[in-house]
N, C-alpha and C. Protein backbone atom coordinates (compact mmCIF):
# COMPACT_ATOMS: atom_id res chain seq x y z
N UNK A 1 4.36 -2.56 7.21
CA UNK A 1 4.34 -1.12 7.41
C UNK A 1 4.61 -0.38 6.09
N UNK A 2 5.53 -0.91 5.31
CA UNK A 2 5.79 -0.28 4.02
C UNK A 2 4.55 -0.29 3.14
N UNK A 3 3.85 -1.41 3.10
CA UNK A 3 2.63 -1.50 2.28
C UNK A 3 1.57 -0.52 2.77
N UNK A 4 1.42 -0.40 4.07
CA UNK A 4 0.41 0.51 4.62
C UNK A 4 0.74 1.95 4.26
N UNK A 5 2.01 2.30 4.29
CA UNK A 5 2.42 3.68 4.00
C UNK A 5 2.38 3.99 2.50
N UNK A 6 2.87 3.06 1.67
CA UNK A 6 2.87 3.33 0.23
C UNK A 6 1.45 3.43 -0.31
N UNK A 7 0.53 2.66 0.26
CA UNK A 7 -0.85 2.68 -0.24
C UNK A 7 -1.45 4.07 -0.15
N UNK A 8 -1.17 4.79 0.94
CA UNK A 8 -1.79 6.10 1.11
C UNK A 8 -0.94 7.27 0.69
N UNK A 9 0.39 7.06 0.55
CA UNK A 9 1.29 8.19 0.33
C UNK A 9 1.97 8.21 -1.03
N UNK A 10 2.09 7.07 -1.68
CA UNK A 10 2.91 6.98 -2.90
C UNK A 10 2.03 6.73 -4.11
N UNK A 11 2.18 7.57 -5.13
CA UNK A 11 1.44 7.33 -6.37
C UNK A 11 2.07 6.16 -7.11
N UNK A 12 1.28 5.12 -7.33
CA UNK A 12 1.77 3.95 -8.05
C UNK A 12 0.57 3.14 -8.50
N UNK A 13 0.79 2.28 -9.47
CA UNK A 13 -0.28 1.42 -9.97
C UNK A 13 -0.27 0.04 -9.34
N UNK A 14 0.90 -0.50 -9.07
CA UNK A 14 1.00 -1.85 -8.55
C UNK A 14 2.24 -1.98 -7.67
N UNK A 15 2.05 -2.51 -6.48
CA UNK A 15 3.16 -2.79 -5.56
C UNK A 15 3.34 -4.30 -5.51
N UNK A 16 4.50 -4.76 -5.94
CA UNK A 16 4.82 -6.18 -5.93
C UNK A 16 5.86 -6.45 -4.86
N UNK A 17 5.60 -7.38 -3.99
CA UNK A 17 6.58 -7.81 -3.01
C UNK A 17 7.28 -9.05 -3.55
N UNK A 18 8.57 -8.93 -3.80
CA UNK A 18 9.39 -10.05 -4.27
C UNK A 18 10.11 -10.63 -3.06
N UNK A 19 9.66 -11.79 -2.61
CA UNK A 19 10.09 -12.34 -1.33
C UNK A 19 11.30 -13.26 -1.49
N UNK A 20 12.41 -12.82 -0.92
CA UNK A 20 13.66 -13.56 -0.96
C UNK A 20 13.96 -14.19 0.41
N UNK A 21 12.92 -14.43 1.20
CA UNK A 21 13.10 -14.95 2.55
C UNK A 21 13.76 -16.33 2.54
N UNK A 22 14.58 -16.57 3.56
CA UNK A 22 15.18 -17.89 3.73
C UNK A 22 14.16 -18.87 4.30
N UNK A 23 13.33 -18.38 5.22
CA UNK A 23 12.37 -19.23 5.93
C UNK A 23 11.05 -19.32 5.18
N UNK A 24 10.56 -20.53 5.01
CA UNK A 24 9.24 -20.71 4.39
C UNK A 24 8.14 -20.15 5.29
N UNK A 25 8.34 -20.23 6.60
CA UNK A 25 7.35 -19.68 7.53
C UNK A 25 7.24 -18.17 7.36
N UNK A 26 8.39 -17.50 7.22
CA UNK A 26 8.37 -16.05 6.98
C UNK A 26 7.70 -15.73 5.65
N UNK A 27 7.98 -16.55 4.65
CA UNK A 27 7.37 -16.33 3.34
C UNK A 27 5.85 -16.45 3.41
N UNK A 28 5.36 -17.44 4.13
CA UNK A 28 3.91 -17.59 4.26
C UNK A 28 3.30 -16.37 4.95
N UNK A 29 3.98 -15.89 5.99
CA UNK A 29 3.47 -14.71 6.70
C UNK A 29 3.48 -13.49 5.78
N UNK A 30 4.55 -13.34 5.01
CA UNK A 30 4.63 -12.21 4.08
C UNK A 30 3.53 -12.29 3.03
N UNK A 31 3.26 -13.49 2.53
CA UNK A 31 2.20 -13.66 1.55
C UNK A 31 0.85 -13.28 2.11
N UNK A 32 0.60 -13.63 3.36
CA UNK A 32 -0.66 -13.29 4.02
C UNK A 32 -0.80 -11.78 4.19
N UNK A 33 0.29 -11.13 4.56
CA UNK A 33 0.27 -9.67 4.70
C UNK A 33 -0.06 -9.01 3.37
N UNK A 34 0.57 -9.49 2.29
CA UNK A 34 0.32 -8.91 0.97
C UNK A 34 -1.14 -9.10 0.56
N UNK A 35 -1.68 -10.28 0.82
CA UNK A 35 -3.08 -10.53 0.47
C UNK A 35 -4.00 -9.60 1.25
N UNK A 36 -3.67 -9.34 2.51
CA UNK A 36 -4.50 -8.47 3.34
C UNK A 36 -4.39 -7.01 2.92
N UNK A 37 -3.23 -6.64 2.37
CA UNK A 37 -2.98 -5.24 2.03
C UNK A 37 -3.17 -4.93 0.54
N UNK A 38 -3.58 -5.93 -0.24
CA UNK A 38 -3.85 -5.69 -1.65
C UNK A 38 -2.61 -5.56 -2.52
N UNK A 39 -1.49 -6.14 -2.09
CA UNK A 39 -0.27 -6.09 -2.87
C UNK A 39 -0.05 -7.42 -3.58
N UNK A 40 0.58 -7.37 -4.74
CA UNK A 40 0.95 -8.61 -5.43
C UNK A 40 2.14 -9.24 -4.70
N UNK A 41 2.22 -10.56 -4.79
CA UNK A 41 3.25 -11.29 -4.05
C UNK A 41 3.91 -12.31 -4.96
N UNK A 42 5.25 -12.32 -4.95
CA UNK A 42 6.02 -13.30 -5.71
C UNK A 42 7.01 -13.96 -4.76
N UNK A 43 6.93 -15.25 -4.61
CA UNK A 43 7.91 -16.01 -3.83
C UNK A 43 9.07 -16.36 -4.76
N UNK A 44 10.22 -15.76 -4.52
CA UNK A 44 11.36 -15.97 -5.40
C UNK A 44 11.97 -17.35 -5.19
N UNK A 45 12.49 -17.95 -6.25
CA UNK A 45 13.19 -19.23 -6.07
C UNK A 45 14.49 -19.03 -5.33
N UNK A 46 14.95 -20.08 -4.65
CA UNK A 46 16.23 -20.00 -3.95
C UNK A 46 17.34 -19.71 -4.95
N UNK A 47 18.31 -18.92 -4.53
CA UNK A 47 19.45 -18.67 -5.40
C UNK A 47 20.73 -19.05 -4.66
N UNK A 48 21.81 -19.31 -5.38
CA UNK A 48 23.00 -19.88 -4.75
C UNK A 48 23.69 -18.96 -3.75
N UNK A 49 23.29 -17.67 -3.71
CA UNK A 49 23.97 -16.72 -2.82
C UNK A 49 23.19 -16.47 -1.54
N UNK A 50 22.01 -17.08 -1.40
CA UNK A 50 21.21 -16.88 -0.20
C UNK A 50 22.02 -17.26 1.04
N UNK A 51 22.01 -16.37 2.03
CA UNK A 51 22.76 -16.50 3.29
C UNK A 51 24.25 -16.25 3.08
N UNK A 52 24.83 -16.78 2.02
CA UNK A 52 26.28 -16.69 1.81
C UNK A 52 26.74 -15.26 1.54
N UNK A 53 25.98 -14.52 0.72
CA UNK A 53 26.39 -13.17 0.33
C UNK A 53 25.14 -12.34 0.07
N UNK A 54 24.73 -11.49 1.01
CA UNK A 54 23.49 -10.73 0.85
C UNK A 54 23.45 -9.86 -0.41
N UNK A 55 24.56 -9.24 -0.77
CA UNK A 55 24.56 -8.37 -1.95
C UNK A 55 24.34 -9.18 -3.23
N UNK A 56 25.02 -10.30 -3.34
CA UNK A 56 24.84 -11.13 -4.54
C UNK A 56 23.44 -11.75 -4.57
N UNK A 57 22.94 -12.15 -3.41
CA UNK A 57 21.59 -12.69 -3.34
C UNK A 57 20.56 -11.64 -3.76
N UNK A 58 20.76 -10.41 -3.30
CA UNK A 58 19.88 -9.31 -3.66
C UNK A 58 19.90 -9.09 -5.17
N UNK A 59 21.10 -9.05 -5.74
CA UNK A 59 21.22 -8.85 -7.18
C UNK A 59 20.55 -9.95 -7.98
N UNK A 60 20.71 -11.20 -7.53
CA UNK A 60 20.07 -12.33 -8.22
C UNK A 60 18.55 -12.20 -8.15
N UNK A 61 18.04 -11.73 -7.01
CA UNK A 61 16.60 -11.55 -6.85
C UNK A 61 16.07 -10.48 -7.82
N UNK A 62 16.78 -9.37 -7.91
CA UNK A 62 16.35 -8.30 -8.82
C UNK A 62 16.41 -8.76 -10.27
N UNK A 63 17.46 -9.50 -10.62
CA UNK A 63 17.57 -10.00 -11.99
C UNK A 63 16.45 -10.98 -12.31
N UNK A 64 16.08 -11.82 -11.34
CA UNK A 64 14.97 -12.74 -11.57
C UNK A 64 13.69 -11.97 -11.85
N UNK A 65 13.43 -10.92 -11.05
CA UNK A 65 12.24 -10.11 -11.27
C UNK A 65 12.28 -9.42 -12.63
N UNK A 66 13.44 -8.95 -13.01
CA UNK A 66 13.56 -8.26 -14.30
C UNK A 66 13.23 -9.22 -15.45
N UNK A 67 13.83 -10.38 -15.47
CA UNK A 67 13.67 -11.30 -16.60
C UNK A 67 12.32 -12.01 -16.61
N UNK A 68 11.74 -12.26 -15.45
CA UNK A 68 10.54 -13.09 -15.38
C UNK A 68 9.24 -12.32 -15.17
N UNK A 69 9.33 -11.09 -14.69
CA UNK A 69 8.12 -10.32 -14.41
C UNK A 69 8.12 -8.99 -15.16
N UNK A 70 9.13 -8.18 -14.91
CA UNK A 70 9.10 -6.81 -15.44
C UNK A 70 9.30 -6.74 -16.95
N UNK A 71 10.32 -7.41 -17.46
CA UNK A 71 10.56 -7.34 -18.90
C UNK A 71 9.41 -7.92 -19.71
N UNK A 72 8.84 -9.08 -19.34
CA UNK A 72 7.68 -9.58 -20.09
C UNK A 72 6.46 -8.66 -20.00
N UNK A 73 6.28 -8.01 -18.85
CA UNK A 73 5.11 -7.14 -18.66
C UNK A 73 5.27 -5.80 -19.38
N UNK A 74 6.51 -5.34 -19.55
CA UNK A 74 6.80 -4.07 -20.23
C UNK A 74 5.96 -2.91 -19.70
N UNK A 75 6.04 -2.62 -18.39
CA UNK A 75 5.29 -1.48 -17.85
C UNK A 75 5.89 -0.17 -18.35
N UNK A 76 5.14 0.89 -18.26
CA UNK A 76 5.67 2.19 -18.67
C UNK A 76 6.90 2.56 -17.84
N UNK A 77 6.88 2.19 -16.57
CA UNK A 77 8.01 2.47 -15.68
C UNK A 77 7.96 1.48 -14.53
N UNK A 78 9.10 1.31 -13.88
CA UNK A 78 9.17 0.41 -12.73
C UNK A 78 10.28 0.89 -11.81
N UNK A 79 10.28 0.38 -10.59
CA UNK A 79 11.33 0.73 -9.64
C UNK A 79 11.50 -0.35 -8.61
N UNK A 80 12.61 -0.27 -7.88
CA UNK A 80 12.89 -1.21 -6.80
C UNK A 80 13.01 -0.45 -5.48
N UNK A 81 12.44 -1.04 -4.41
CA UNK A 81 12.54 -0.48 -3.06
C UNK A 81 13.08 -1.55 -2.11
N UNK A 82 13.99 -1.16 -1.22
CA UNK A 82 14.35 -2.04 -0.13
C UNK A 82 13.16 -2.20 0.81
N UNK A 83 13.10 -3.32 1.50
CA UNK A 83 11.96 -3.59 2.37
C UNK A 83 11.95 -2.73 3.63
N UNK A 84 13.08 -2.11 3.97
CA UNK A 84 13.15 -1.30 5.18
C UNK A 84 13.22 0.19 4.87
N UNK A 85 12.54 0.58 3.78
CA UNK A 85 12.49 1.97 3.33
C UNK A 85 11.03 2.41 3.35
N UNK A 86 10.73 3.53 4.06
CA UNK A 86 9.35 3.89 4.34
C UNK A 86 9.07 5.35 3.96
N UNK A 87 8.04 5.62 3.14
CA UNK A 87 7.67 7.00 2.83
C UNK A 87 6.99 7.63 4.04
N UNK A 88 7.19 8.91 4.22
CA UNK A 88 6.55 9.61 5.34
C UNK A 88 5.73 10.82 4.88
N UNK A 89 5.78 11.13 3.58
CA UNK A 89 5.00 12.23 3.02
C UNK A 89 4.46 11.80 1.65
N UNK A 90 3.37 12.42 1.19
CA UNK A 90 2.87 12.11 -0.15
C UNK A 90 3.94 12.36 -1.20
N UNK A 91 4.08 11.44 -2.15
CA UNK A 91 5.12 11.60 -3.17
C UNK A 91 4.77 10.80 -4.42
N UNK A 92 5.41 11.17 -5.51
CA UNK A 92 5.28 10.45 -6.78
C UNK A 92 6.69 10.11 -7.25
N UNK A 93 7.20 8.93 -6.94
CA UNK A 93 8.56 8.59 -7.31
C UNK A 93 8.76 8.42 -8.81
N UNK A 94 7.68 8.38 -9.58
CA UNK A 94 7.81 8.22 -11.02
C UNK A 94 7.85 9.57 -11.75
N UNK A 95 7.52 10.65 -11.07
CA UNK A 95 7.48 11.96 -11.72
C UNK A 95 8.82 12.37 -12.35
N UNK A 96 9.98 12.15 -11.69
CA UNK A 96 11.25 12.53 -12.31
C UNK A 96 11.53 11.83 -13.64
N UNK A 97 10.86 10.71 -13.89
CA UNK A 97 11.09 9.99 -15.14
C UNK A 97 10.50 10.71 -16.34
N UNK A 98 9.73 11.76 -16.11
CA UNK A 98 9.24 12.56 -17.23
C UNK A 98 10.39 13.28 -17.93
N UNK A 99 11.46 13.54 -17.19
CA UNK A 99 12.60 14.27 -17.76
C UNK A 99 13.89 13.47 -17.76
N UNK A 100 13.88 12.27 -17.21
CA UNK A 100 15.10 11.46 -17.12
C UNK A 100 14.75 10.00 -17.39
N UNK A 101 15.67 9.26 -18.04
CA UNK A 101 15.39 7.85 -18.33
C UNK A 101 15.38 6.97 -17.08
N UNK A 102 16.11 7.40 -16.06
CA UNK A 102 16.16 6.68 -14.80
C UNK A 102 16.67 7.62 -13.73
N UNK A 103 16.39 7.28 -12.49
CA UNK A 103 16.91 8.09 -11.39
C UNK A 103 16.83 7.29 -10.11
N UNK A 104 17.48 7.79 -9.08
CA UNK A 104 17.49 7.17 -7.77
C UNK A 104 18.59 7.80 -6.94
N UNK A 105 19.01 7.09 -5.92
CA UNK A 105 20.08 7.59 -5.07
C UNK A 105 21.42 7.11 -5.60
N UNK A 106 22.32 8.06 -5.90
CA UNK A 106 23.61 7.72 -6.47
C UNK A 106 24.57 7.17 -5.42
N UNK A 107 25.35 6.19 -5.85
CA UNK A 107 26.49 5.70 -5.07
C UNK A 107 27.72 5.73 -5.98
N UNK A 108 28.85 5.96 -5.36
CA UNK A 108 30.09 6.10 -6.11
C UNK A 108 31.10 5.03 -5.70
N UNK A 109 31.89 4.61 -6.67
CA UNK A 109 33.05 3.73 -6.43
C UNK A 109 34.17 4.28 -7.30
N UNK A 110 35.01 5.14 -6.72
CA UNK A 110 36.02 5.83 -7.51
C UNK A 110 35.35 6.78 -8.47
N UNK A 111 35.66 6.66 -9.76
CA UNK A 111 35.06 7.53 -10.78
C UNK A 111 33.75 6.97 -11.32
N UNK A 112 33.39 5.79 -10.90
CA UNK A 112 32.16 5.16 -11.39
C UNK A 112 31.00 5.37 -10.40
N UNK A 113 29.80 5.44 -10.94
CA UNK A 113 28.63 5.63 -10.11
C UNK A 113 27.53 4.69 -10.58
N UNK A 114 26.56 4.49 -9.70
CA UNK A 114 25.42 3.65 -10.03
C UNK A 114 24.27 4.03 -9.11
N UNK A 115 23.10 3.50 -9.39
CA UNK A 115 21.94 3.79 -8.56
C UNK A 115 21.82 2.73 -7.47
N UNK A 116 21.65 3.20 -6.23
CA UNK A 116 21.44 2.30 -5.10
C UNK A 116 20.24 1.42 -5.38
N UNK A 117 20.41 0.11 -5.19
CA UNK A 117 19.35 -0.84 -5.52
C UNK A 117 18.13 -0.69 -4.62
N UNK A 118 18.27 -0.01 -3.48
CA UNK A 118 17.15 0.15 -2.56
C UNK A 118 16.14 1.20 -2.97
N UNK A 119 16.50 2.06 -3.94
CA UNK A 119 15.60 3.10 -4.41
C UNK A 119 16.06 3.53 -5.79
N UNK A 120 15.49 2.93 -6.82
CA UNK A 120 15.87 3.27 -8.19
C UNK A 120 14.66 3.05 -9.10
N UNK A 121 14.49 3.95 -10.06
CA UNK A 121 13.33 3.92 -10.94
C UNK A 121 13.76 4.10 -12.39
N UNK A 122 13.04 3.43 -13.30
CA UNK A 122 13.45 3.37 -14.69
C UNK A 122 12.25 3.50 -15.61
N UNK A 123 12.43 4.24 -16.70
CA UNK A 123 11.43 4.29 -17.76
C UNK A 123 11.69 3.12 -18.71
N UNK A 124 10.69 2.30 -18.91
CA UNK A 124 10.91 1.06 -19.65
C UNK A 124 11.39 1.32 -21.07
N UNK A 125 10.83 2.33 -21.75
CA UNK A 125 11.24 2.55 -23.13
C UNK A 125 12.70 2.96 -23.26
N UNK A 126 13.31 3.39 -22.13
CA UNK A 126 14.71 3.80 -22.16
C UNK A 126 15.67 2.66 -21.83
N UNK A 127 15.18 1.63 -21.16
CA UNK A 127 16.09 0.57 -20.71
C UNK A 127 15.67 -0.84 -21.13
N UNK A 128 14.46 -0.99 -21.65
CA UNK A 128 13.90 -2.31 -21.89
C UNK A 128 14.67 -3.16 -22.89
N UNK A 129 15.40 -2.53 -23.81
CA UNK A 129 16.16 -3.29 -24.81
C UNK A 129 17.62 -3.50 -24.41
N UNK A 130 18.00 -3.01 -23.24
CA UNK A 130 19.38 -3.13 -22.79
C UNK A 130 19.58 -4.45 -22.03
N UNK A 131 20.80 -5.01 -22.09
CA UNK A 131 21.10 -6.23 -21.33
C UNK A 131 21.35 -5.91 -19.85
N UNK A 132 20.28 -5.59 -19.15
CA UNK A 132 20.40 -5.13 -17.78
C UNK A 132 20.92 -6.22 -16.85
N UNK A 133 21.70 -5.80 -15.87
CA UNK A 133 22.21 -6.70 -14.84
C UNK A 133 22.22 -5.94 -13.53
N UNK A 134 21.30 -6.29 -12.64
CA UNK A 134 21.18 -5.60 -11.36
C UNK A 134 22.07 -6.22 -10.28
N UNK A 135 22.99 -7.07 -10.70
CA UNK A 135 23.94 -7.62 -9.76
C UNK A 135 25.04 -6.63 -9.44
N UNK A 136 26.09 -7.10 -8.82
CA UNK A 136 27.20 -6.23 -8.45
C UNK A 136 28.41 -6.49 -9.34
N UNK A 137 29.29 -5.52 -9.38
CA UNK A 137 30.58 -5.67 -10.07
C UNK A 137 31.64 -5.58 -8.98
N UNK A 138 31.91 -6.72 -8.38
CA UNK A 138 32.76 -6.77 -7.19
C UNK A 138 34.14 -6.19 -7.45
N UNK A 139 34.73 -6.51 -8.58
CA UNK A 139 36.11 -6.10 -8.85
C UNK A 139 36.23 -4.60 -9.07
N UNK A 140 35.12 -3.96 -9.48
CA UNK A 140 35.13 -2.51 -9.66
C UNK A 140 34.60 -1.79 -8.42
N UNK A 141 34.27 -2.53 -7.38
CA UNK A 141 33.79 -1.91 -6.15
C UNK A 141 32.34 -1.46 -6.20
N UNK A 142 31.58 -1.98 -7.15
CA UNK A 142 30.18 -1.57 -7.32
C UNK A 142 29.26 -2.60 -6.70
N UNK A 143 28.43 -2.17 -5.75
CA UNK A 143 27.53 -3.07 -5.04
C UNK A 143 26.30 -3.37 -5.91
N UNK A 144 25.29 -3.98 -5.31
CA UNK A 144 24.09 -4.42 -6.03
C UNK A 144 23.55 -3.31 -6.93
N UNK A 145 23.34 -3.63 -8.20
CA UNK A 145 22.91 -2.65 -9.20
C UNK A 145 24.05 -2.07 -9.99
N UNK A 146 25.27 -2.21 -9.49
CA UNK A 146 26.42 -1.60 -10.14
C UNK A 146 26.84 -2.25 -11.44
N UNK A 147 26.40 -3.49 -11.68
CA UNK A 147 26.76 -4.15 -12.93
C UNK A 147 26.11 -3.49 -14.14
N UNK A 148 25.18 -2.57 -13.90
CA UNK A 148 24.58 -1.81 -15.00
C UNK A 148 25.44 -0.62 -15.44
N UNK A 149 26.61 -0.47 -14.85
CA UNK A 149 27.49 0.63 -15.22
C UNK A 149 27.74 0.67 -16.73
N UNK A 150 28.12 -0.45 -17.29
CA UNK A 150 28.49 -0.48 -18.71
C UNK A 150 27.31 -0.17 -19.62
N UNK A 151 26.13 -0.67 -19.29
CA UNK A 151 25.01 -0.54 -20.23
C UNK A 151 24.13 0.68 -19.98
N UNK A 152 24.18 1.25 -18.76
CA UNK A 152 23.30 2.38 -18.46
C UNK A 152 24.01 3.66 -18.06
N UNK A 153 25.00 3.55 -17.19
CA UNK A 153 25.46 4.73 -16.47
C UNK A 153 26.71 5.41 -17.03
N UNK A 154 27.59 4.69 -17.66
CA UNK A 154 28.91 5.22 -17.98
C UNK A 154 28.87 6.43 -18.90
N UNK A 155 27.85 6.53 -19.77
CA UNK A 155 27.78 7.65 -20.72
C UNK A 155 26.78 8.72 -20.31
N UNK A 156 26.31 8.66 -19.06
CA UNK A 156 25.34 9.63 -18.57
C UNK A 156 25.99 10.53 -17.52
N UNK A 157 25.74 11.83 -17.62
CA UNK A 157 26.26 12.78 -16.64
C UNK A 157 25.52 12.58 -15.31
N UNK A 158 26.19 12.20 -14.24
CA UNK A 158 25.49 11.99 -12.97
C UNK A 158 24.82 13.25 -12.45
N UNK A 159 25.31 14.42 -12.85
CA UNK A 159 24.68 15.67 -12.42
C UNK A 159 23.30 15.86 -13.04
N UNK A 160 23.00 15.08 -14.07
CA UNK A 160 21.69 15.18 -14.72
C UNK A 160 20.66 14.25 -14.08
N UNK A 161 21.10 13.44 -13.13
CA UNK A 161 20.20 12.49 -12.46
C UNK A 161 19.57 13.19 -11.25
N UNK A 162 18.25 13.30 -11.18
CA UNK A 162 17.61 13.96 -10.03
C UNK A 162 18.05 13.32 -8.72
N UNK A 163 18.30 14.15 -7.72
CA UNK A 163 18.79 13.67 -6.44
C UNK A 163 17.93 14.20 -5.30
N UNK A 164 18.07 13.57 -4.15
CA UNK A 164 17.39 14.01 -2.93
C UNK A 164 18.40 13.97 -1.80
N UNK A 165 18.24 14.80 -0.77
CA UNK A 165 19.21 14.82 0.33
C UNK A 165 19.17 13.53 1.14
N UNK A 166 20.34 13.09 1.62
CA UNK A 166 20.46 11.90 2.45
C UNK A 166 21.17 12.30 3.73
N UNK A 167 20.51 12.06 4.87
CA UNK A 167 21.05 12.45 6.17
C UNK A 167 21.05 11.25 7.10
N UNK A 168 22.22 10.93 7.65
CA UNK A 168 22.34 9.82 8.60
C UNK A 168 22.03 10.32 10.01
N UNK A 169 21.41 9.46 10.83
CA UNK A 169 21.15 9.82 12.22
C UNK A 169 21.06 8.55 13.05
N UNK A 170 21.27 8.70 14.36
CA UNK A 170 21.12 7.58 15.29
C UNK A 170 19.68 7.52 15.76
N UNK A 171 19.05 6.36 15.62
CA UNK A 171 17.65 6.23 15.98
C UNK A 171 17.42 6.29 17.48
N UNK A 172 18.47 6.03 18.27
CA UNK A 172 18.35 6.01 19.73
C UNK A 172 19.18 7.13 20.33
N UNK A 173 18.63 7.92 21.25
CA UNK A 173 19.38 9.01 21.87
C UNK A 173 20.52 8.48 22.72
N UNK A 174 21.64 9.18 22.66
CA UNK A 174 22.79 8.81 23.47
C UNK A 174 23.57 7.62 22.95
N UNK A 175 23.21 7.12 21.76
CA UNK A 175 23.89 5.98 21.16
C UNK A 175 24.69 6.46 19.96
N UNK A 176 25.89 5.92 19.79
CA UNK A 176 26.72 6.30 18.66
C UNK A 176 26.01 6.02 17.33
N UNK A 177 26.31 6.84 16.34
CA UNK A 177 25.65 6.75 15.04
C UNK A 177 25.69 5.34 14.47
N UNK A 178 26.87 4.72 14.42
CA UNK A 178 27.00 3.43 13.77
C UNK A 178 26.31 2.31 14.54
N UNK A 179 25.99 2.52 15.81
CA UNK A 179 25.33 1.48 16.59
C UNK A 179 23.81 1.44 16.37
N UNK A 180 23.24 2.58 15.99
CA UNK A 180 21.79 2.64 15.75
C UNK A 180 21.53 3.44 14.47
N UNK A 181 22.22 3.07 13.41
CA UNK A 181 22.27 3.85 12.18
C UNK A 181 20.95 3.81 11.42
N UNK A 182 20.45 4.99 11.07
CA UNK A 182 19.30 5.15 10.19
C UNK A 182 19.59 6.30 9.22
N UNK A 183 18.71 6.45 8.25
CA UNK A 183 18.88 7.53 7.27
C UNK A 183 17.53 8.16 6.93
N UNK A 184 17.57 9.46 6.72
CA UNK A 184 16.50 10.14 6.00
C UNK A 184 16.97 10.27 4.55
N UNK A 185 16.21 9.70 3.64
CA UNK A 185 16.48 9.83 2.21
C UNK A 185 15.34 10.65 1.62
N UNK A 186 15.56 11.97 1.53
CA UNK A 186 14.45 12.84 1.24
C UNK A 186 13.44 12.71 2.35
N UNK A 187 12.18 12.45 2.00
CA UNK A 187 11.14 12.27 3.01
C UNK A 187 10.92 10.79 3.34
N UNK A 188 11.81 9.92 2.87
CA UNK A 188 11.71 8.49 3.15
C UNK A 188 12.66 8.13 4.29
N UNK A 189 12.19 7.30 5.20
CA UNK A 189 12.99 6.84 6.32
C UNK A 189 13.56 5.46 6.00
N UNK A 190 14.88 5.34 6.09
CA UNK A 190 15.55 4.07 5.82
C UNK A 190 16.05 3.49 7.14
N UNK A 191 15.48 2.37 7.53
CA UNK A 191 15.85 1.76 8.80
C UNK A 191 17.29 1.23 8.79
N UNK A 192 17.79 0.84 7.61
CA UNK A 192 19.13 0.25 7.48
C UNK A 192 19.22 -0.97 8.42
N UNK A 193 18.35 -1.93 8.15
CA UNK A 193 18.21 -3.06 9.05
C UNK A 193 19.43 -3.94 9.20
N UNK A 194 20.34 -3.92 8.20
CA UNK A 194 21.53 -4.77 8.27
C UNK A 194 22.70 -4.09 8.96
N UNK A 195 22.50 -2.85 9.40
CA UNK A 195 23.59 -2.10 10.02
C UNK A 195 23.30 -1.88 11.50
N UNK A 196 24.34 -1.57 12.25
CA UNK A 196 24.17 -1.24 13.66
C UNK A 196 24.47 -2.40 14.59
N UNK A 197 24.33 -2.14 15.86
CA UNK A 197 24.59 -3.12 16.92
C UNK A 197 23.42 -4.11 16.99
N UNK A 198 23.64 -5.41 16.75
CA UNK A 198 22.53 -6.37 16.77
C UNK A 198 21.79 -6.40 18.10
N UNK A 199 22.48 -6.12 19.21
CA UNK A 199 21.82 -6.15 20.51
C UNK A 199 20.83 -5.00 20.68
N UNK A 200 20.93 -3.98 19.82
CA UNK A 200 20.03 -2.83 19.91
C UNK A 200 18.92 -2.87 18.84
N UNK A 201 18.87 -3.96 18.10
CA UNK A 201 17.96 -4.03 16.96
C UNK A 201 16.50 -3.84 17.36
N UNK A 202 16.07 -4.48 18.44
CA UNK A 202 14.66 -4.37 18.87
C UNK A 202 14.32 -2.94 19.29
N UNK A 203 15.21 -2.31 20.06
CA UNK A 203 14.96 -0.93 20.48
C UNK A 203 14.99 0.03 19.29
N UNK A 204 15.89 -0.26 18.35
CA UNK A 204 15.96 0.57 17.14
C UNK A 204 14.66 0.45 16.35
N UNK A 205 14.13 -0.76 16.22
CA UNK A 205 12.86 -0.97 15.52
C UNK A 205 11.73 -0.20 16.20
N UNK A 206 11.68 -0.22 17.52
CA UNK A 206 10.65 0.52 18.25
C UNK A 206 10.76 2.01 17.96
N UNK A 207 11.99 2.53 17.91
CA UNK A 207 12.20 3.96 17.63
C UNK A 207 11.74 4.30 16.22
N UNK A 208 12.04 3.42 15.26
CA UNK A 208 11.61 3.65 13.87
C UNK A 208 10.10 3.66 13.77
N UNK A 209 9.44 2.74 14.44
CA UNK A 209 7.98 2.69 14.41
C UNK A 209 7.36 3.96 15.00
N UNK A 210 7.98 4.48 16.05
CA UNK A 210 7.48 5.74 16.63
C UNK A 210 7.62 6.88 15.62
N UNK A 211 8.73 6.91 14.90
CA UNK A 211 8.93 7.96 13.90
C UNK A 211 7.92 7.86 12.76
N UNK A 212 7.44 6.65 12.50
CA UNK A 212 6.52 6.44 11.38
C UNK A 212 5.05 6.66 11.75
N UNK A 213 4.75 6.79 13.05
CA UNK A 213 3.35 6.91 13.48
C UNK A 213 2.62 8.09 12.83
N UNK A 214 3.21 9.32 12.78
CA UNK A 214 2.49 10.43 12.14
C UNK A 214 2.23 10.17 10.65
N UNK A 215 3.20 9.58 9.96
CA UNK A 215 3.02 9.28 8.54
C UNK A 215 1.92 8.24 8.34
N UNK A 216 1.83 7.29 9.24
CA UNK A 216 0.81 6.27 9.12
C UNK A 216 -0.59 6.87 9.26
N UNK A 217 -0.75 7.83 10.16
CA UNK A 217 -2.04 8.49 10.32
C UNK A 217 -2.44 9.23 9.04
N UNK A 218 -1.46 9.93 8.43
CA UNK A 218 -1.73 10.64 7.17
C UNK A 218 -2.07 9.64 6.07
N UNK A 219 -1.34 8.55 6.02
CA UNK A 219 -1.58 7.53 4.98
C UNK A 219 -2.97 6.93 5.11
N UNK A 220 -3.40 6.64 6.34
CA UNK A 220 -4.72 6.05 6.56
C UNK A 220 -5.83 7.01 6.10
N UNK A 221 -5.67 8.29 6.41
CA UNK A 221 -6.67 9.28 5.98
C UNK A 221 -6.71 9.35 4.46
N UNK A 222 -5.55 9.35 3.83
CA UNK A 222 -5.48 9.44 2.38
C UNK A 222 -6.09 8.20 1.72
N UNK A 223 -5.81 7.01 2.28
CA UNK A 223 -6.36 5.78 1.70
C UNK A 223 -7.87 5.76 1.80
N UNK A 224 -8.42 6.29 2.90
CA UNK A 224 -9.88 6.31 3.05
C UNK A 224 -10.53 7.23 2.04
N UNK A 225 -9.84 8.32 1.69
CA UNK A 225 -10.38 9.27 0.72
C UNK A 225 -10.35 8.71 -0.69
């Protein structure tokens, strides 16, 4: 669904799916979807944090992509998206980089801040020579992506980083927020797949798909044009 929506709604040159799946069967299915949708596909090697710690596993995956794909390719700009984040309106996530070296959704840990790993974009000429680390800094309370505090964020005014509104909502009517937690991040819908009541996961997914139906129609029209 993300590939179908980004193809018609998001200005970009290349969408790469970096697959950190535990199951080889899931990985094969993901590879087939990418081939059908015209996206590049990378099957990531297993890392020691898989299953044991999702945040550390996520950080290791991003670092692998940085060192083995992005840094050697030296694109003008690049970004990371969580797999459960969906655009619903036409957008250009790289446009803010014309005035800023990087941007995304800010997260705070005390006086320190960092860009949420699920939506962050960087201009290569501003960060390509830095010793980037998209892992976490557990002792400082910084989740995935927070280890870049020392090399990227500490000397930058967070008020200068472009922001978008973030609104939490329950995907299911009559259900408490935390049981069916979702977010609007600007015009992007975040399913927050790791949060909420596991017994409601299927119904929550159905509700998210219904919310995405109008955007999918717009995306299909745009892709045909």
